[in-house]
Amino acid sequence: MKNTAQSWFLGGPSSSSGDQQKSPSLLADWNAYAASQDSISSDLGFDLESAVRSTTDKVSGTFNVVLKGVRDLPGSFKSATSNVPSGKSLMYFGVLLASGVFFIFIAFTMFLPVIVVVPQKFAICFTIGCALIVGSFFALKGPRYQLMHMSSKERLPFALDFVGSMVEPFRYHLDTF
């Protein structure tokens, strides 16, 4: 093996005896090597090239199916982006949501421990926080769409319970005066 490698790099014969013939070119040597490797790889029972080809075909076929499905969607790009809120409504949503979370945080951290002494402060902070969070979704989706969403058949009982639970603390607070 050592003699073969040395002779290949030096361009001489592969053995010291002169009865072995030199390969006509480097390409002929490479073809002989590739043919010997093909017989070895066929013994393994796994053809890497055909596996890569079939995987590529499957991926490209899946991509084409998805692409066809996207092209066949009804509507246009303008109709798809018409429901995206504007920057101004996103800003209002963020401010109202953060304010609501702040009021609920204050209600639970400051007034929940003393709810027995001053229950109205907890109720006011919690109610204002909930109202601000609901208001943030009104700012995000628009008042008409949000009212339609909340008053749908399956959501109406829950929406009425939620709004009622926000109004009741104020009623009890006014009764204490």
N, C-alpha and C. Protein backbone atom coordinates (compact mmCIF):
# COMPACT_ATOMS: atom_id res chain seq x y z
N MET A 1 0.83 -1.19 0.00
CA MET A 1 0.00 0.00 0.00
C MET A 1 0.87 1.25 0.00
N LYS A 2 1.95 1.19 0.81
CA LYS A 2 2.85 2.33 0.89
C LYS A 2 3.51 2.59 -0.45
N ASN A 3 3.92 1.51 -1.11
CA ASN A 3 4.55 1.65 -2.42
C ASN A 3 3.56 2.20 -3.44
N THR A 4 2.32 1.79 -3.37
CA THR A 4 1.30 2.27 -4.31
C THR A 4 1.07 3.75 -4.12
N ALA A 5 0.95 4.19 -2.85
CA ALA A 5 0.73 5.61 -2.58
C ALA A 5 1.94 6.44 -3.03
N GLN A 6 3.15 5.95 -2.76
CA GLN A 6 4.33 6.69 -3.16
C GLN A 6 4.44 6.77 -4.68
N SER A 7 4.15 5.69 -5.34
CA SER A 7 4.26 5.70 -6.79
C SER A 7 3.18 6.58 -7.42
N TRP A 8 2.02 6.62 -6.80
CA TRP A 8 0.96 7.47 -7.34
C TRP A 8 1.35 8.94 -7.25
N PHE A 9 1.92 9.34 -6.09
CA PHE A 9 2.34 10.73 -5.93
C PHE A 9 3.58 11.07 -6.75
N LEU A 10 4.48 10.11 -6.89
CA LEU A 10 5.71 10.36 -7.62
C LEU A 10 5.58 10.11 -9.11
N GLY A 11 4.52 9.45 -9.50
CA GLY A 11 4.29 9.19 -10.92
C GLY A 11 5.03 7.97 -11.42
N GLY A 12 5.58 7.16 -10.52
CA GLY A 12 6.33 5.97 -10.92
C GLY A 12 5.44 4.75 -10.87
N PRO A 13 6.02 3.59 -11.17
CA PRO A 13 5.24 2.35 -11.09
C PRO A 13 4.90 2.00 -9.65
N SER A 14 3.82 1.26 -9.45
CA SER A 14 3.34 0.95 -8.11
C SER A 14 4.17 -0.11 -7.42
N SER A 15 4.95 -0.86 -8.14
CA SER A 15 5.86 -1.83 -7.51
C SER A 15 7.24 -1.69 -8.12
N SER A 16 8.20 -2.31 -7.47
CA SER A 16 9.57 -2.18 -7.97
C SER A 16 9.77 -2.99 -9.25
N SER A 17 8.96 -3.99 -9.49
CA SER A 17 9.11 -4.78 -10.71
C SER A 17 8.47 -4.03 -11.87
N GLY A 18 8.99 -4.18 -13.04
CA GLY A 18 8.52 -3.43 -14.20
C GLY A 18 7.43 -4.12 -14.96
N ASP A 19 6.91 -5.30 -14.49
CA ASP A 19 5.91 -6.02 -15.25
C ASP A 19 4.50 -5.44 -15.08
N GLN A 20 4.29 -4.53 -14.09
CA GLN A 20 2.96 -3.93 -13.93
C GLN A 20 2.93 -2.67 -14.76
N GLN A 21 1.85 -2.44 -15.48
CA GLN A 21 1.76 -1.32 -16.38
C GLN A 21 1.22 -0.10 -15.66
N LYS A 22 1.72 1.09 -16.04
CA LYS A 22 1.30 2.35 -15.45
C LYS A 22 -0.04 2.76 -16.05
N SER A 23 -0.94 3.35 -15.21
CA SER A 23 -2.24 3.81 -15.70
C SER A 23 -2.04 4.95 -16.66
N PRO A 24 -2.87 5.02 -17.69
CA PRO A 24 -2.67 6.04 -18.70
C PRO A 24 -2.88 7.48 -18.18
N SER A 25 -3.75 7.66 -17.16
CA SER A 25 -3.98 9.03 -16.67
C SER A 25 -4.57 8.99 -15.26
N LEU A 26 -4.65 10.17 -14.68
CA LEU A 26 -5.26 10.30 -13.37
C LEU A 26 -6.76 9.99 -13.43
N LEU A 27 -7.41 10.34 -14.54
CA LEU A 27 -8.83 10.05 -14.71
C LEU A 27 -9.09 8.56 -14.73
N ALA A 28 -8.21 7.80 -15.37
CA ALA A 28 -8.37 6.35 -15.39
C ALA A 28 -8.21 5.78 -13.99
N ASP A 29 -7.24 6.32 -13.23
CA ASP A 29 -7.08 5.88 -11.84
C ASP A 29 -8.34 6.17 -11.03
N TRP A 30 -8.90 7.38 -11.22
CA TRP A 30 -10.10 7.75 -10.47
C TRP A 30 -11.28 6.86 -10.84
N ASN A 31 -11.45 6.59 -12.12
CA ASN A 31 -12.55 5.72 -12.55
C ASN A 31 -12.41 4.32 -11.97
N ALA A 32 -11.19 3.81 -11.92
CA ALA A 32 -10.97 2.49 -11.33
C ALA A 32 -11.31 2.51 -9.84
N TYR A 33 -10.89 3.58 -9.16
CA TYR A 33 -11.21 3.72 -7.73
C TYR A 33 -12.72 3.82 -7.52
N ALA A 34 -13.41 4.63 -8.33
CA ALA A 34 -14.86 4.80 -8.19
C ALA A 34 -15.59 3.49 -8.44
N ALA A 35 -15.12 2.71 -9.41
CA ALA A 35 -15.76 1.43 -9.70
C ALA A 35 -15.59 0.47 -8.53
N SER A 36 -14.42 0.50 -7.90
CA SER A 36 -14.22 -0.38 -6.74
C SER A 36 -15.08 0.07 -5.55
N GLN A 37 -15.28 1.38 -5.40
CA GLN A 37 -16.12 1.88 -4.30
C GLN A 37 -17.59 1.60 -4.56
N ASP A 38 -18.03 1.63 -5.82
CA ASP A 38 -19.42 1.31 -6.13
C ASP A 38 -19.76 -0.12 -5.73
N SER A 39 -18.81 -1.04 -5.95
CA SER A 39 -19.09 -2.42 -5.58
C SER A 39 -19.15 -2.56 -4.06
N ILE A 40 -18.37 -1.77 -3.33
CA ILE A 40 -18.41 -1.81 -1.87
C ILE A 40 -19.72 -1.21 -1.35
N SER A 41 -20.13 -0.06 -1.94
CA SER A 41 -21.35 0.59 -1.46
C SER A 41 -22.59 -0.22 -1.80
N SER A 42 -22.56 -0.98 -2.90
CA SER A 42 -23.72 -1.81 -3.23
C SER A 42 -23.84 -2.97 -2.25
N ASP A 43 -22.73 -3.38 -1.63
CA ASP A 43 -22.78 -4.44 -0.64
C ASP A 43 -23.47 -3.97 0.64
N LEU A 44 -23.41 -2.65 0.90
CA LEU A 44 -24.02 -2.13 2.12
C LEU A 44 -25.54 -2.14 2.07
N GLY A 45 -26.14 -2.09 0.89
CA GLY A 45 -27.58 -2.12 0.76
C GLY A 45 -28.22 -0.74 0.93
N PHE A 46 -27.45 0.33 0.90
CA PHE A 46 -27.99 1.67 1.08
C PHE A 46 -27.37 2.57 0.02
N ASP A 47 -28.22 3.17 -0.78
CA ASP A 47 -27.75 4.06 -1.84
C ASP A 47 -28.04 5.49 -1.42
N LEU A 48 -27.02 6.22 -1.03
CA LEU A 48 -27.18 7.58 -0.51
C LEU A 48 -27.74 8.52 -1.57
N GLU A 49 -27.29 8.37 -2.80
CA GLU A 49 -27.74 9.27 -3.86
C GLU A 49 -29.24 9.14 -4.11
N SER A 50 -29.75 7.93 -4.17
CA SER A 50 -31.18 7.75 -4.40
C SER A 50 -31.99 8.19 -3.18
N ALA A 51 -31.43 8.03 -1.98
CA ALA A 51 -32.14 8.50 -0.78
C ALA A 51 -32.27 10.02 -0.78
N VAL A 52 -31.19 10.71 -1.15
CA VAL A 52 -31.23 12.18 -1.22
C VAL A 52 -32.19 12.62 -2.32
N ARG A 53 -32.17 11.94 -3.45
CA ARG A 53 -33.06 12.30 -4.55
C ARG A 53 -34.52 12.12 -4.15
N SER A 54 -34.87 11.02 -3.49
CA SER A 54 -36.26 10.79 -3.11
C SER A 54 -36.70 11.78 -2.03
N THR A 55 -35.80 12.11 -1.12
CA THR A 55 -36.14 13.11 -0.10
C THR A 55 -36.37 14.46 -0.73
N THR A 56 -35.54 14.84 -1.69
CA THR A 56 -35.70 16.11 -2.38
C THR A 56 -37.03 16.14 -3.13
N ASP A 57 -37.39 15.04 -3.77
CA ASP A 57 -38.66 14.97 -4.49
C ASP A 57 -39.84 15.12 -3.53
N LYS A 58 -39.77 14.48 -2.38
CA LYS A 58 -40.86 14.57 -1.42
C LYS A 58 -41.01 15.98 -0.87
N VAL A 59 -39.88 16.62 -0.55
CA VAL A 59 -39.94 17.99 -0.01
C VAL A 59 -40.46 18.95 -1.06
N SER A 60 -39.98 18.85 -2.28
CA SER A 60 -40.45 19.76 -3.32
C SER A 60 -41.91 19.50 -3.65
N GLY A 61 -42.35 18.25 -3.59
CA GLY A 61 -43.76 17.95 -3.81
C GLY A 61 -44.65 18.54 -2.73
N THR A 62 -44.20 18.46 -1.47
CA THR A 62 -44.95 19.05 -0.36
C THR A 62 -45.01 20.56 -0.50
N PHE A 63 -43.87 21.17 -0.88
CA PHE A 63 -43.84 22.61 -1.07
C PHE A 63 -44.79 23.04 -2.17
N ASN A 64 -44.84 22.27 -3.26
CA ASN A 64 -45.75 22.61 -4.36
C ASN A 64 -47.20 22.50 -3.94
N VAL A 65 -47.54 21.52 -3.11
CA VAL A 65 -48.92 21.39 -2.62
C VAL A 65 -49.29 22.59 -1.76
N VAL A 66 -48.40 22.99 -0.87
CA VAL A 66 -48.67 24.14 -0.01
C VAL A 66 -48.79 25.41 -0.84
N LEU A 67 -47.90 25.57 -1.81
CA LEU A 67 -47.92 26.75 -2.66
C LEU A 67 -49.22 26.82 -3.45
N LYS A 68 -49.69 25.69 -3.95
CA LYS A 68 -50.95 25.65 -4.69
C LYS A 68 -52.11 26.02 -3.77
N GLY A 69 -52.07 25.52 -2.52
CA GLY A 69 -53.12 25.86 -1.58
C GLY A 69 -53.15 27.33 -1.23
N VAL A 70 -51.98 27.95 -1.14
CA VAL A 70 -51.92 29.38 -0.84
C VAL A 70 -52.42 30.19 -2.02
N ARG A 71 -52.08 29.78 -3.22
CA ARG A 71 -52.55 30.50 -4.41
C ARG A 71 -54.06 30.41 -4.55
N ASP A 72 -54.66 29.31 -4.12
CA ASP A 72 -56.09 29.11 -4.29
C ASP A 72 -56.93 29.75 -3.19
N LEU A 73 -56.30 30.46 -2.24
CA LEU A 73 -57.07 31.09 -1.18
C LEU A 73 -57.96 32.19 -1.76
N PRO A 74 -59.18 32.30 -1.26
CA PRO A 74 -60.03 33.38 -1.77
C PRO A 74 -59.57 34.72 -1.24
N GLY A 75 -59.86 35.78 -1.98
CA GLY A 75 -59.50 37.12 -1.55
C GLY A 75 -58.15 37.52 -2.09
N SER A 76 -57.77 38.70 -1.75
CA SER A 76 -56.50 39.22 -2.21
C SER A 76 -55.65 39.61 -1.02
N PHE A 77 -54.46 40.11 -1.30
CA PHE A 77 -53.56 40.53 -0.22
C PHE A 77 -54.17 41.69 0.55
N LYS A 78 -54.86 42.58 -0.14
CA LYS A 78 -55.47 43.73 0.53
C LYS A 78 -56.55 43.28 1.50
N SER A 79 -57.36 42.30 1.11
CA SER A 79 -58.41 41.83 2.02
C SER A 79 -57.81 41.08 3.21
N ALA A 80 -56.66 40.45 3.00
CA ALA A 80 -56.02 39.72 4.10
C ALA A 80 -55.42 40.68 5.11
N THR A 81 -54.97 41.85 4.68
CA THR A 81 -54.34 42.80 5.59
C THR A 81 -55.31 43.85 6.10
N SER A 82 -56.57 43.78 5.72
CA SER A 82 -57.51 44.81 6.17
C SER A 82 -57.84 44.66 7.65
N ASN A 83 -57.65 43.47 8.22
CA ASN A 83 -57.94 43.26 9.64
C ASN A 83 -56.76 43.56 10.55
N VAL A 84 -55.63 43.95 9.99
CA VAL A 84 -54.46 44.27 10.80
C VAL A 84 -54.67 45.65 11.41
N PRO A 85 -54.58 45.76 12.74
CA PRO A 85 -54.82 47.06 13.36
C PRO A 85 -53.74 48.08 13.03
N SER A 86 -54.11 49.34 13.10
CA SER A 86 -53.16 50.41 12.80
C SER A 86 -52.21 50.59 13.98
N GLY A 87 -51.19 51.38 13.76
CA GLY A 87 -50.22 51.64 14.82
C GLY A 87 -50.84 52.40 15.98
N LYS A 88 -51.77 53.29 15.68
CA LYS A 88 -52.44 54.06 16.72
C LYS A 88 -53.28 53.16 17.62
N SER A 89 -54.03 52.23 17.01
CA SER A 89 -54.85 51.32 17.82
C SER A 89 -53.98 50.36 18.62
N LEU A 90 -52.83 49.96 18.07
CA LEU A 90 -51.91 49.11 18.83
C LEU A 90 -51.33 49.86 20.03
N MET A 91 -51.07 51.17 19.84
CA MET A 91 -50.55 51.97 20.95
C MET A 91 -51.61 52.08 22.05
N TYR A 92 -52.86 52.38 21.67
CA TYR A 92 -53.94 52.46 22.66
C TYR A 92 -54.12 51.12 23.38
N PHE A 93 -54.07 50.03 22.62
CA PHE A 93 -54.19 48.70 23.20
C PHE A 93 -53.10 48.47 24.24
N GLY A 94 -51.87 48.79 23.90
CA GLY A 94 -50.76 48.58 24.83
C GLY A 94 -50.88 49.42 26.08
N VAL A 95 -51.25 50.69 25.93
CA VAL A 95 -51.37 51.58 27.09
C VAL A 95 -52.51 51.14 27.99
N LEU A 96 -53.67 50.84 27.40
CA LEU A 96 -54.81 50.41 28.22
C LEU A 96 -54.55 49.07 28.89
N LEU A 97 -53.94 48.14 28.17
CA LEU A 97 -53.64 46.83 28.76
C LEU A 97 -52.64 46.97 29.91
N ALA A 98 -51.59 47.76 29.72
CA ALA A 98 -50.61 47.95 30.78
C ALA A 98 -51.24 48.64 31.99
N SER A 99 -52.10 49.60 31.76
CA SER A 99 -52.77 50.28 32.88
C SER A 99 -53.68 49.32 33.62
N GLY A 100 -54.40 48.47 32.89
CA GLY A 100 -55.27 47.49 33.54
C GLY A 100 -54.50 46.49 34.37
N VAL A 101 -53.39 46.02 33.83
CA VAL A 101 -52.55 45.07 34.58
C VAL A 101 -51.99 45.76 35.82
N PHE A 102 -51.62 47.04 35.70
CA PHE A 102 -51.11 47.79 36.85
C PHE A 102 -52.16 47.90 37.95
N PHE A 103 -53.41 48.24 37.60
CA PHE A 103 -54.46 48.36 38.61
C PHE A 103 -54.76 47.02 39.28
N ILE A 104 -54.77 45.94 38.51
CA ILE A 104 -55.01 44.63 39.11
C ILE A 104 -53.84 44.24 40.01
N PHE A 105 -52.62 44.57 39.62
CA PHE A 105 -51.45 44.31 40.45
C PHE A 105 -51.56 45.08 41.77
N ILE A 106 -51.95 46.34 41.71
CA ILE A 106 -52.12 47.15 42.92
C ILE A 106 -53.22 46.57 43.79
N ALA A 107 -54.31 46.13 43.18
CA ALA A 107 -55.42 45.56 43.95
C ALA A 107 -54.96 44.33 44.73
N PHE A 108 -54.20 43.46 44.09
CA PHE A 108 -53.80 42.23 44.76
C PHE A 108 -52.63 42.42 45.72
N THR A 109 -51.72 43.35 45.44
CA THR A 109 -50.56 43.49 46.32
C THR A 109 -50.81 44.44 47.49
N MET A 110 -51.59 45.49 47.27
CA MET A 110 -51.78 46.47 48.35
C MET A 110 -53.08 46.28 49.12
N PHE A 111 -54.15 45.96 48.41
CA PHE A 111 -55.47 45.98 49.06
C PHE A 111 -56.03 44.60 49.38
N LEU A 112 -55.53 43.55 48.81
CA LEU A 112 -56.01 42.21 49.17
C LEU A 112 -55.65 41.85 50.61
N PRO A 113 -54.44 42.18 51.08
CA PRO A 113 -54.12 41.85 52.47
C PRO A 113 -55.01 42.60 53.49
N VAL A 114 -55.52 43.76 53.10
CA VAL A 114 -56.36 44.54 54.04
C VAL A 114 -57.81 44.60 53.56
N ILE A 115 -58.25 43.55 52.86
CA ILE A 115 -59.60 43.55 52.29
C ILE A 115 -60.68 43.59 53.38
N VAL A 116 -60.34 43.08 54.55
CA VAL A 116 -61.32 43.09 55.65
C VAL A 116 -61.54 44.52 56.14
N VAL A 117 -60.48 45.32 56.15
CA VAL A 117 -60.56 46.69 56.66
C VAL A 117 -61.15 47.63 55.61
N VAL A 118 -60.65 47.58 54.37
CA VAL A 118 -61.11 48.48 53.31
C VAL A 118 -61.42 47.69 52.03
N PRO A 119 -62.56 47.02 51.99
CA PRO A 119 -62.87 46.20 50.81
C PRO A 119 -63.16 47.04 49.57
N GLN A 120 -63.62 48.27 49.76
CA GLN A 120 -63.97 49.07 48.59
C GLN A 120 -62.75 49.46 47.77
N LYS A 121 -61.58 49.63 48.40
CA LYS A 121 -60.38 49.99 47.64
C LYS A 121 -59.94 48.82 46.74
N PHE A 122 -60.01 47.61 47.28
CA PHE A 122 -59.70 46.44 46.45
C PHE A 122 -60.68 46.36 45.29
N ALA A 123 -61.97 46.51 45.58
CA ALA A 123 -63.00 46.38 44.54
C ALA A 123 -62.83 47.44 43.46
N ILE A 124 -62.52 48.66 43.85
CA ILE A 124 -62.37 49.73 42.86
C ILE A 124 -61.15 49.48 41.98
N CYS A 125 -60.02 49.14 42.58
CA CYS A 125 -58.80 48.88 41.78
C CYS A 125 -58.99 47.68 40.85
N PHE A 126 -59.59 46.63 41.36
CA PHE A 126 -59.79 45.43 40.55
C PHE A 126 -60.76 45.72 39.40
N THR A 127 -61.84 46.44 39.68
CA THR A 127 -62.83 46.75 38.65
C THR A 127 -62.25 47.68 37.59
N ILE A 128 -61.52 48.70 38.01
CA ILE A 128 -60.90 49.60 37.03
C ILE A 128 -59.90 48.83 36.18
N GLY A 129 -59.13 47.93 36.77
CA GLY A 129 -58.18 47.12 36.01
C GLY A 129 -58.87 46.25 34.98
N CYS A 130 -59.94 45.60 35.37
CA CYS A 130 -60.69 44.75 34.42
C CYS A 130 -61.31 45.59 33.31
N ALA A 131 -61.87 46.75 33.66
CA ALA A 131 -62.47 47.62 32.64
C ALA A 131 -61.41 48.11 31.66
N LEU A 132 -60.23 48.44 32.15
CA LEU A 132 -59.17 48.89 31.24
C LEU A 132 -58.71 47.76 30.32
N ILE A 133 -58.64 46.55 30.83
CA ILE A 133 -58.23 45.43 29.97
C ILE A 133 -59.28 45.16 28.90
N VAL A 134 -60.55 45.18 29.26
CA VAL A 134 -61.61 45.00 28.26
C VAL A 134 -61.58 46.17 27.28
N GLY A 135 -61.37 47.39 27.78
CA GLY A 135 -61.28 48.55 26.91
C GLY A 135 -60.12 48.47 25.94
N SER A 136 -59.03 47.81 26.35
CA SER A 136 -57.90 47.66 25.43
C SER A 136 -58.28 46.82 24.23
N PHE A 137 -59.11 45.81 24.42
CA PHE A 137 -59.55 45.01 23.28
C PHE A 137 -60.55 45.76 22.42
N PHE A 138 -61.33 46.64 23.04
CA PHE A 138 -62.20 47.51 22.25
C PHE A 138 -61.35 48.41 21.36
N ALA A 139 -60.24 48.93 21.89
CA ALA A 139 -59.35 49.79 21.10
C ALA A 139 -58.65 49.00 20.00
N LEU A 140 -58.34 47.74 20.25
CA LEU A 140 -57.61 46.93 19.27
C LEU A 140 -58.52 46.49 18.13
N LYS A 141 -59.69 45.96 18.45
CA LYS A 141 -60.56 45.39 17.43
C LYS A 141 -61.58 46.38 16.88
N GLY A 142 -61.82 47.44 17.62
CA GLY A 142 -62.89 48.36 17.24
C GLY A 142 -64.12 48.05 18.07
N PRO A 143 -64.85 49.09 18.48
CA PRO A 143 -65.98 48.86 19.40
C PRO A 143 -67.08 48.00 18.79
N ARG A 144 -67.39 48.21 17.52
CA ARG A 144 -68.50 47.45 16.91
C ARG A 144 -68.17 45.96 16.82
N TYR A 145 -66.96 45.64 16.35
CA TYR A 145 -66.58 44.23 16.23
C TYR A 145 -66.46 43.58 17.61
N GLN A 146 -65.94 44.30 18.59
CA GLN A 146 -65.80 43.73 19.93
C GLN A 146 -67.17 43.48 20.55
N LEU A 147 -68.11 44.40 20.37
CA LEU A 147 -69.47 44.18 20.90
C LEU A 147 -70.14 43.00 20.20
N MET A 148 -69.95 42.88 18.90
CA MET A 148 -70.51 41.73 18.18
C MET A 148 -69.87 40.44 18.69
N HIS A 149 -68.57 40.49 18.94
CA HIS A 149 -67.85 39.31 19.42
C HIS A 149 -68.34 38.90 20.81
N MET A 150 -68.51 39.87 21.70
CA MET A 150 -68.93 39.57 23.07
C MET A 150 -70.40 39.17 23.15
N SER A 151 -71.21 39.65 22.21
CA SER A 151 -72.63 39.34 22.27
C SER A 151 -73.03 38.18 21.39
N SER A 152 -72.08 37.41 20.91
CA SER A 152 -72.43 36.22 20.15
C SER A 152 -73.12 35.21 21.07
N LYS A 153 -73.83 34.30 20.49
CA LYS A 153 -74.70 33.39 21.24
C LYS A 153 -73.94 32.62 22.33
N GLU A 154 -72.77 32.10 21.99
CA GLU A 154 -72.05 31.28 22.97
C GLU A 154 -71.29 32.11 23.99
N ARG A 155 -71.06 33.41 23.74
CA ARG A 155 -70.29 34.24 24.68
C ARG A 155 -71.16 35.16 25.52
N LEU A 156 -72.39 35.37 25.14
CA LEU A 156 -73.23 36.36 25.80
C LEU A 156 -73.40 36.11 27.30
N PRO A 157 -73.68 34.89 27.76
CA PRO A 157 -73.84 34.71 29.21
C PRO A 157 -72.57 35.06 29.99
N PHE A 158 -71.44 34.70 29.45
CA PHE A 158 -70.18 34.97 30.15
C PHE A 158 -69.86 36.47 30.13
N ALA A 159 -70.15 37.13 29.03
CA ALA A 159 -69.90 38.57 28.95
C ALA A 159 -70.80 39.32 29.92
N LEU A 160 -72.05 38.91 30.03
CA LEU A 160 -72.97 39.56 30.97
C LEU A 160 -72.54 39.31 32.42
N ASP A 161 -72.10 38.11 32.72
CA ASP A 161 -71.59 37.82 34.06
C ASP A 161 -70.37 38.66 34.39
N PHE A 162 -69.48 38.81 33.43
CA PHE A 162 -68.26 39.59 33.65
C PHE A 162 -68.59 41.07 33.87
N VAL A 163 -69.43 41.62 33.02
CA VAL A 163 -69.80 43.03 33.17
C VAL A 163 -70.57 43.23 34.47
N GLY A 164 -71.45 42.29 34.81
CA GLY A 164 -72.17 42.39 36.08
C GLY A 164 -71.25 42.33 37.29
N SER A 165 -70.22 41.48 37.21
CA SER A 165 -69.28 41.40 38.33
C SER A 165 -68.41 42.65 38.43
N MET A 166 -68.30 43.41 37.36
CA MET A 166 -67.57 44.68 37.44
C MET A 166 -68.46 45.80 37.97
N VAL A 167 -69.77 45.73 37.75
CA VAL A 167 -70.70 46.78 38.18
C VAL A 167 -71.08 46.60 39.65
N GLU A 168 -71.22 45.39 40.11
CA GLU A 168 -71.67 45.12 41.48
C GLU A 168 -70.82 45.77 42.57
N PRO A 169 -69.50 45.75 42.48
CA PRO A 169 -68.72 46.41 43.54
C PRO A 169 -69.03 47.90 43.66
N PHE A 170 -69.30 48.57 42.56
CA PHE A 170 -69.65 49.99 42.65
C PHE A 170 -71.01 50.17 43.31
N ARG A 171 -71.93 49.26 43.04
CA ARG A 171 -73.25 49.36 43.67
C ARG A 171 -73.13 49.19 45.17
N TYR A 172 -72.37 48.22 45.62
CA TYR A 172 -72.19 48.01 47.05
C TYR A 172 -71.40 49.15 47.69
N HIS A 173 -70.46 49.71 46.93
CA HIS A 173 -69.71 50.84 47.45
C HIS A 173 -70.62 52.05 47.65
N LEU A 174 -71.54 52.28 46.74
CA LEU A 174 -72.46 53.42 46.88
C LEU A 174 -73.47 53.18 47.99
N ASP A 175 -73.80 51.92 48.27
CA ASP A 175 -74.73 51.61 49.36
C ASP A 175 -74.13 51.85 50.72
N THR A 176 -72.80 51.85 50.84
CA THR A 176 -72.18 52.05 52.13
C THR A 176 -72.18 53.49 52.58
N PHE A 177 -72.45 54.45 51.68
CA PHE A 177 -72.49 55.85 52.07
C PHE A 177 -73.83 56.27 52.55
